[in-house]
Amino acid sequence: MSNFLSCAQAAEVAHCSELTIKRAVRSGELKAYRPGRAYAIDEDELTSWVKSKPCRKAAAKKKGQS
């Protein structure tokens, strides 16, 4: 069975802001459940979402080399 995280917990795991997590959920980019007023994010879904994002440091290096 999967673990479910709050937006704050997901943000800590993903090393981003809670607002970034909420925006991803609202846009449909990150799947989440809404059992009440708060979101519940499946840990496996969060991992997949994080892996699908390009690394900012790698992108910055590419820009600097061009």
PDB file of N, CA and C in Angstrom:
ATOM      1  N   MET A   1       0.841  -1.186   0.000  1.00  0.00           N
ATOM      2  CA  MET A   1       0.000   0.000   0.000  1.00  0.00           C
ATOM      3  C   MET A   1       0.888   1.252   0.000  1.00  0.00           C
ATOM      4  N   SER A   2       0.481   2.229  -0.729  1.00  0.00           N
ATOM      5  CA  SER A   2       1.258   3.464  -0.859  1.00  0.00           C
ATOM      6  C   SER A   2       1.034   4.397   0.317  1.00  0.00           C
ATOM      7  N   ASN A   3       2.022   5.225   0.557  1.00  0.00           N
ATOM      8  CA  ASN A   3       1.901   6.269   1.567  1.00  0.00           C
ATOM      9  C   ASN A   3       1.368   7.528   0.908  1.00  0.00           C
ATOM     10  N   PHE A   4       0.587   8.274   1.638  1.00  0.00           N
ATOM     11  CA  PHE A   4       0.064   9.523   1.131  1.00  0.00           C
ATOM     12  C   PHE A   4       0.673  10.673   1.920  1.00  0.00           C
ATOM     13  N   LEU A   5       0.988  11.745   1.209  1.00  0.00           N
ATOM     14  CA  LEU A   5       1.633  12.904   1.811  1.00  0.00           C
ATOM     15  C   LEU A   5       0.761  14.141   1.666  1.00  0.00           C
ATOM     16  N   SER A   6       0.897  15.064   2.590  1.00  0.00           N
ATOM     17  CA  SER A   6       0.245  16.369   2.465  1.00  0.00           C
ATOM     18  C   SER A   6       1.074  17.198   1.492  1.00  0.00           C
ATOM     19  N   CYS A   7       0.572  18.341   1.096  1.00  0.00           N
ATOM     20  CA  CYS A   7       1.332  19.222   0.202  1.00  0.00           C
ATOM     21  C   CYS A   7       2.633  19.668   0.850  1.00  0.00           C
ATOM     22  N   ALA A   8       2.598  19.956   2.130  1.00  0.00           N
ATOM     23  CA  ALA A   8       3.803  20.385   2.842  1.00  0.00           C
ATOM     24  C   ALA A   8       4.841  19.263   2.877  1.00  0.00           C
ATOM     25  N   GLN A   9       4.400  18.048   3.149  1.00  0.00           N
ATOM     26  CA  GLN A   9       5.312  16.911   3.178  1.00  0.00           C
ATOM     27  C   GLN A   9       5.863  16.627   1.786  1.00  0.00           C
ATOM     28  N   ALA A  10       5.017  16.709   0.777  1.00  0.00           N
ATOM     29  CA  ALA A  10       5.452  16.476  -0.602  1.00  0.00           C
ATOM     30  C   ALA A  10       6.483  17.512  -1.024  1.00  0.00           C
ATOM     31  N   ALA A  11       6.269  18.757  -0.628  1.00  0.00           N
ATOM     32  CA  ALA A  11       7.214  19.826  -0.960  1.00  0.00           C
ATOM     33  C   ALA A  11       8.572  19.566  -0.325  1.00  0.00           C
ATOM     34  N   GLU A  12       8.570  19.075   0.888  1.00  0.00           N
ATOM     35  CA  GLU A  12       9.828  18.777   1.575  1.00  0.00           C
ATOM     36  C   GLU A  12      10.563  17.634   0.871  1.00  0.00           C
ATOM     37  N   VAL A  13       9.846  16.612   0.488  1.00  0.00           N
ATOM     38  CA  VAL A  13      10.446  15.469  -0.207  1.00  0.00           C
ATOM     39  C   VAL A  13      10.978  15.884  -1.576  1.00  0.00           C
ATOM     40  N   ALA A  14      10.225  16.728  -2.292  1.00  0.00           N
ATOM     41  CA  ALA A  14      10.595  17.138  -3.654  1.00  0.00           C
ATOM     42  C   ALA A  14      11.570  18.318  -3.680  1.00  0.00           C
ATOM     43  N   HIS A  15      11.875  18.879  -2.526  1.00  0.00           N
ATOM     44  CA  HIS A  15      12.771  20.040  -2.425  1.00  0.00           C
ATOM     45  C   HIS A  15      12.262  21.215  -3.261  1.00  0.00           C
ATOM     46  N   CYS A  16      10.997  21.529  -3.054  1.00  0.00           N
ATOM     47  CA  CYS A  16      10.394  22.685  -3.721  1.00  0.00           C
ATOM     48  C   CYS A  16       9.408  23.314  -2.745  1.00  0.00           C
ATOM     49  N   SER A  17       8.709  24.346  -3.200  1.00  0.00           N
ATOM     50  CA  SER A  17       7.759  25.005  -2.306  1.00  0.00           C
ATOM     51  C   SER A  17       6.409  24.289  -2.331  1.00  0.00           C
ATOM     52  N   GLU A  18       5.662  24.528  -1.294  1.00  0.00           N
ATOM     53  CA  GLU A  18       4.318  23.963  -1.205  1.00  0.00           C
ATOM     54  C   GLU A  18       3.437  24.524  -2.328  1.00  0.00           C
ATOM     55  N   LEU A  19       3.667  25.772  -2.693  1.00  0.00           N
ATOM     56  CA  LEU A  19       2.914  26.396  -3.777  1.00  0.00           C
ATOM     57  C   LEU A  19       3.175  25.684  -5.105  1.00  0.00           C
ATOM     58  N   THR A  20       4.406  25.265  -5.338  1.00  0.00           N
ATOM     59  CA  THR A  20       4.740  24.523  -6.555  1.00  0.00           C
ATOM     60  C   THR A  20       3.955  23.218  -6.613  1.00  0.00           C
ATOM     61  N   ILE A  21       3.861  22.523  -5.499  1.00  0.00           N
ATOM     62  CA  ILE A  21       3.104  21.270  -5.428  1.00  0.00           C
ATOM     63  C   ILE A  21       1.636  21.534  -5.718  1.00  0.00           C
ATOM     64  N   LYS A  22       1.070  22.556  -5.083  1.00  0.00           N
ATOM     65  CA  LYS A  22      -0.348  22.864  -5.284  1.00  0.00           C
ATOM     66  C   LYS A  22      -0.634  23.252  -6.730  1.00  0.00           C
ATOM     67  N   ARG A  23       0.263  24.006  -7.352  1.00  0.00           N
ATOM     68  CA  ARG A  23       0.078  24.381  -8.761  1.00  0.00           C
ATOM     69  C   ARG A  23       0.109  23.154  -9.660  1.00  0.00           C
ATOM     70  N   ALA A  24       1.026  22.230  -9.380  1.00  0.00           N
ATOM     71  CA  ALA A  24       1.131  21.007 -10.180  1.00  0.00           C
ATOM     72  C   ALA A  24      -0.132  20.156 -10.036  1.00  0.00           C
ATOM     73  N   VAL A  25      -0.684  20.112  -8.850  1.00  0.00           N
ATOM     74  CA  VAL A  25      -1.911  19.345  -8.621  1.00  0.00           C
ATOM     75  C   VAL A  25      -3.080  20.005  -9.354  1.00  0.00           C
ATOM     76  N   ARG A  26      -3.216  21.310  -9.217  1.00  0.00           N
ATOM     77  CA  ARG A  26      -4.327  22.024  -9.858  1.00  0.00           C
ATOM     78  C   ARG A  26      -4.265  21.951 -11.380  1.00  0.00           C
ATOM     79  N   SER A  27      -3.048  21.929 -11.936  1.00  0.00           N
ATOM     80  CA  SER A  27      -2.907  21.868 -13.390  1.00  0.00           C
ATOM     81  C   SER A  27      -3.083  20.446 -13.918  1.00  0.00           C
ATOM     82  N   GLY A  28      -3.109  19.469 -13.028  1.00  0.00           N
ATOM     83  CA  GLY A  28      -3.252  18.079 -13.443  1.00  0.00           C
ATOM     84  C   GLY A  28      -1.926  17.402 -13.730  1.00  0.00           C
ATOM     85  N   GLU A  29      -0.841  18.128 -13.535  1.00  0.00           N
ATOM     86  CA  GLU A  29       0.491  17.598 -13.776  1.00  0.00           C
ATOM     87  C   GLU A  29       0.873  16.549 -12.728  1.00  0.00           C
ATOM     88  N   LEU A  30       0.374  16.718 -11.519  1.00  0.00           N
ATOM     89  CA  LEU A  30       0.642  15.807 -10.408  1.00  0.00           C
ATOM     90  C   LEU A  30      -0.700  15.303  -9.886  1.00  0.00           C
ATOM     91  N   LYS A  31      -0.867  13.984  -9.876  1.00  0.00           N
ATOM     92  CA  LYS A  31      -2.119  13.403  -9.392  1.00  0.00           C
ATOM     93  C   LYS A  31      -2.190  13.483  -7.872  1.00  0.00           C
ATOM     94  N   ALA A  32      -3.375  13.811  -7.387  1.00  0.00           N
ATOM     95  CA  ALA A  32      -3.602  13.871  -5.941  1.00  0.00           C
ATOM     96  C   ALA A  32      -5.065  13.552  -5.669  1.00  0.00           C
ATOM     97  N   TYR A  33      -5.343  13.180  -4.442  1.00  0.00           N
ATOM     98  CA  TYR A  33      -6.702  12.897  -4.004  1.00  0.00           C
ATOM     99  C   TYR A  33      -7.116  14.000  -3.052  1.00  0.00           C
ATOM    100  N   ARG A  34      -8.395  14.233  -3.003  1.00  0.00           N
ATOM    101  CA  ARG A  34      -8.883  15.284  -2.116  1.00  0.00           C
ATOM    102  C   ARG A  34      -9.966  14.696  -1.209  1.00  0.00           C
ATOM    103  N   PRO A  35      -9.544  14.048  -0.121  1.00  0.00           N
ATOM    104  CA  PRO A  35     -10.507  13.423   0.774  1.00  0.00           C
ATOM    105  C   PRO A  35     -11.340  14.427   1.571  1.00  0.00           C
ATOM    106  N   GLY A  36     -10.899  15.644   1.656  1.00  0.00           N
ATOM    107  CA  GLY A  36     -11.601  16.705   2.364  1.00  0.00           C
ATOM    108  C   GLY A  36     -11.210  18.010   1.722  1.00  0.00           C
ATOM    109  N   ARG A  37     -10.693  18.917   2.514  1.00  0.00           N
ATOM    110  CA  ARG A  37     -10.231  20.205   1.967  1.00  0.00           C
ATOM    111  C   ARG A  37      -8.775  20.144   1.520  1.00  0.00           C
ATOM    112  N   ALA A  38      -8.014  19.234   2.090  1.00  0.00           N
ATOM    113  CA  ALA A  38      -6.583  19.135   1.782  1.00  0.00           C
ATOM    114  C   ALA A  38      -6.329  18.065   0.719  1.00  0.00           C
ATOM    115  N   TYR A  39      -5.188  18.166   0.067  1.00  0.00           N
ATOM    116  CA  TYR A  39      -4.796  17.168  -0.920  1.00  0.00           C
ATOM    117  C   TYR A  39      -4.013  16.051  -0.249  1.00  0.00           C
ATOM    118  N   ALA A  40      -4.150  14.848  -0.785  1.00  0.00           N
ATOM    119  CA  ALA A  40      -3.347  13.701  -0.368  1.00  0.00           C
ATOM    120  C   ALA A  40      -2.620  13.214  -1.614  1.00  0.00           C
ATOM    121  N   ILE A  41      -1.308  13.247  -1.577  1.00  0.00           N
ATOM    122  CA  ILE A  41      -0.494  12.923  -2.737  1.00  0.00           C
ATOM    123  C   ILE A  41       0.191  11.585  -2.514  1.00  0.00           C
ATOM    124  N   ASP A  42      -0.018  10.680  -3.455  1.00  0.00           N
ATOM    125  CA  ASP A  42       0.598   9.362  -3.401  1.00  0.00           C
ATOM    126  C   ASP A  42       2.112   9.525  -3.559  1.00  0.00           C
ATOM    127  N   GLU A  43       2.867   8.899  -2.695  1.00  0.00           N
ATOM    128  CA  GLU A  43       4.320   9.026  -2.714  1.00  0.00           C
ATOM    129  C   GLU A  43       4.910   8.542  -4.049  1.00  0.00           C
ATOM    130  N   ASP A  44       4.331   7.496  -4.619  1.00  0.00           N
ATOM    131  CA  ASP A  44       4.807   6.981  -5.907  1.00  0.00           C
ATOM    132  C   ASP A  44       4.546   7.989  -7.028  1.00  0.00           C
ATOM    133  N   GLU A  45       3.394   8.650  -6.993  1.00  0.00           N
ATOM    134  CA  GLU A  45       3.072   9.678  -7.987  1.00  0.00           C
ATOM    135  C   GLU A  45       4.041  10.851  -7.872  1.00  0.00           C
ATOM    136  N   LEU A  46       4.364  11.226  -6.646  1.00  0.00           N
ATOM    137  CA  LEU A  46       5.301  12.324  -6.418  1.00  0.00           C
ATOM    138  C   LEU A  46       6.678  11.979  -6.979  1.00  0.00           C
ATOM    139  N   THR A  47       7.125  10.762  -6.743  1.00  0.00           N
ATOM    140  CA  THR A  47       8.423  10.321  -7.244  1.00  0.00           C
ATOM    141  C   THR A  47       8.458  10.379  -8.765  1.00  0.00           C
ATOM    142  N   SER A  48       7.400   9.916  -9.400  1.00  0.00           N
ATOM    143  CA  SER A  48       7.324   9.958 -10.862  1.00  0.00           C
ATOM    144  C   SER A  48       7.332  11.392 -11.376  1.00  0.00           C
ATOM    145  N   TRP A  49       6.616  12.273 -10.707  1.00  0.00           N
ATOM    146  CA  TRP A  49       6.550  13.677 -11.110  1.00  0.00           C
ATOM    147  C   TRP A  49       7.917  14.343 -10.989  1.00  0.00           C
ATOM    148  N   VAL A  50       8.612  14.074  -9.890  1.00  0.00           N
ATOM    149  CA  VAL A  50       9.937  14.670  -9.679  1.00  0.00           C
ATOM    150  C   VAL A  50      10.914  14.177 -10.746  1.00  0.00           C
ATOM    151  N   LYS A  51      10.869  12.890 -11.072  1.00  0.00           N
ATOM    152  CA  LYS A  51      11.767  12.333 -12.081  1.00  0.00           C
ATOM    153  C   LYS A  51      11.489  12.900 -13.474  1.00  0.00           C
ATOM    154  N   SER A  52      10.263  13.316 -13.724  1.00  0.00           N
ATOM    155  CA  SER A  52       9.912  13.850 -15.042  1.00  0.00           C
ATOM    156  C   SER A  52      10.372  15.291 -15.233  1.00  0.00           C
ATOM    157  N   LYS A  53      10.780  15.940 -14.155  1.00  0.00           N
ATOM    158  CA  LYS A  53      11.213  17.331 -14.219  1.00  0.00           C
ATOM    159  C   LYS A  53      12.693  17.417 -14.562  1.00  0.00           C
ATOM    160  N   PRO A  54      13.063  18.341 -15.459  1.00  0.00           N
ATOM    161  CA  PRO A  54      14.485  18.513 -15.761  1.00  0.00           C
ATOM    162  C   PRO A  54      15.197  19.164 -14.577  1.00  0.00           C
ATOM    163  N   CYS A  55      16.444  18.857 -14.430  1.00  0.00           N
ATOM    164  CA  CYS A  55      17.254  19.423 -13.352  1.00  0.00           C
ATOM    165  C   CYS A  55      17.619  20.856 -13.701  1.00  0.00           C
ATOM    166  N   ARG A  56      17.373  21.800 -12.819  1.00  0.00           N
ATOM    167  CA  ARG A  56      17.663  23.211 -13.084  1.00  0.00           C
ATOM    168  C   ARG A  56      19.163  23.452 -13.240  1.00  0.00           C
ATOM    169  N   LYS A  57      19.980  22.779 -12.447  1.00  0.00           N
ATOM    170  CA  LYS A  57      21.418  22.979 -12.528  1.00  0.00           C
ATOM    171  C   LYS A  57      21.959  22.524 -13.878  1.00  0.00           C
ATOM    172  N   ALA A  58      21.456  21.404 -14.374  1.00  0.00           N
ATOM    173  CA  ALA A  58      21.900  20.905 -15.677  1.00  0.00           C
ATOM    174  C   ALA A  58      21.475  21.869 -16.780  1.00  0.00           C
ATOM    175  N   ALA A  59      20.260  22.409 -16.680  1.00  0.00           N
ATOM    176  CA  ALA A  59      19.782  23.358 -17.677  1.00  0.00           C
ATOM    177  C   ALA A  59      20.605  24.628 -17.649  1.00  0.00           C
ATOM    178  N   ALA A  60      21.000  25.088 -16.465  1.00  0.00           N
ATOM    179  CA  ALA A  60      21.800  26.301 -16.349  1.00  0.00           C
ATOM    180  C   ALA A  60      23.194  26.092 -16.938  1.00  0.00           C
ATOM    181  N   LYS A  61      23.758  24.899 -16.743  1.00  0.00           N
ATOM    182  CA  LYS A  61      25.068  24.612 -17.316  1.00  0.00           C
ATOM    183  C   LYS A  61      25.003  24.615 -18.840  1.00  0.00           C
ATOM    184  N   LYS A  62      23.946  24.040 -19.401  1.00  0.00           N
ATOM    185  CA  LYS A  62      23.792  24.002 -20.846  1.00  0.00           C
ATOM    186  C   LYS A  62      23.694  25.410 -21.422  1.00  0.00           C
ATOM    187  N   LYS A  63      22.971  26.285 -20.735  1.00  0.00           N
ATOM    188  CA  LYS A  63      22.840  27.668 -21.202  1.00  0.00           C
ATOM    189  C   LYS A  63      24.186  28.380 -21.174  1.00  0.00           C
ATOM    190  N   GLY A  64      24.972  28.109 -20.155  1.00  0.00           N
ATOM    191  CA  GLY A  64      26.267  28.755 -20.009  1.00  0.00           C
ATOM    192  C   GLY A  64      27.287  28.276 -21.031  1.00  0.00           C
ATOM    193  N   GLN A  65      27.136  27.039 -21.495  1.00  0.00           N
ATOM    194  CA  GLN A  65      28.076  26.464 -22.454  1.00  0.00           C
ATOM    195  C   GLN A  65      27.763  26.858 -23.877  1.00  0.00           C
ATOM    196  N   SER A  66      26.520  27.240 -24.145  1.00  0.00           N
ATOM    197  CA  SER A  66      26.121  27.558 -25.517  1.00  0.00           C
ATOM    198  C   SER A  66      26.695  28.856 -26.003  1.00  0.00           C
TER     199      SER A  66
END
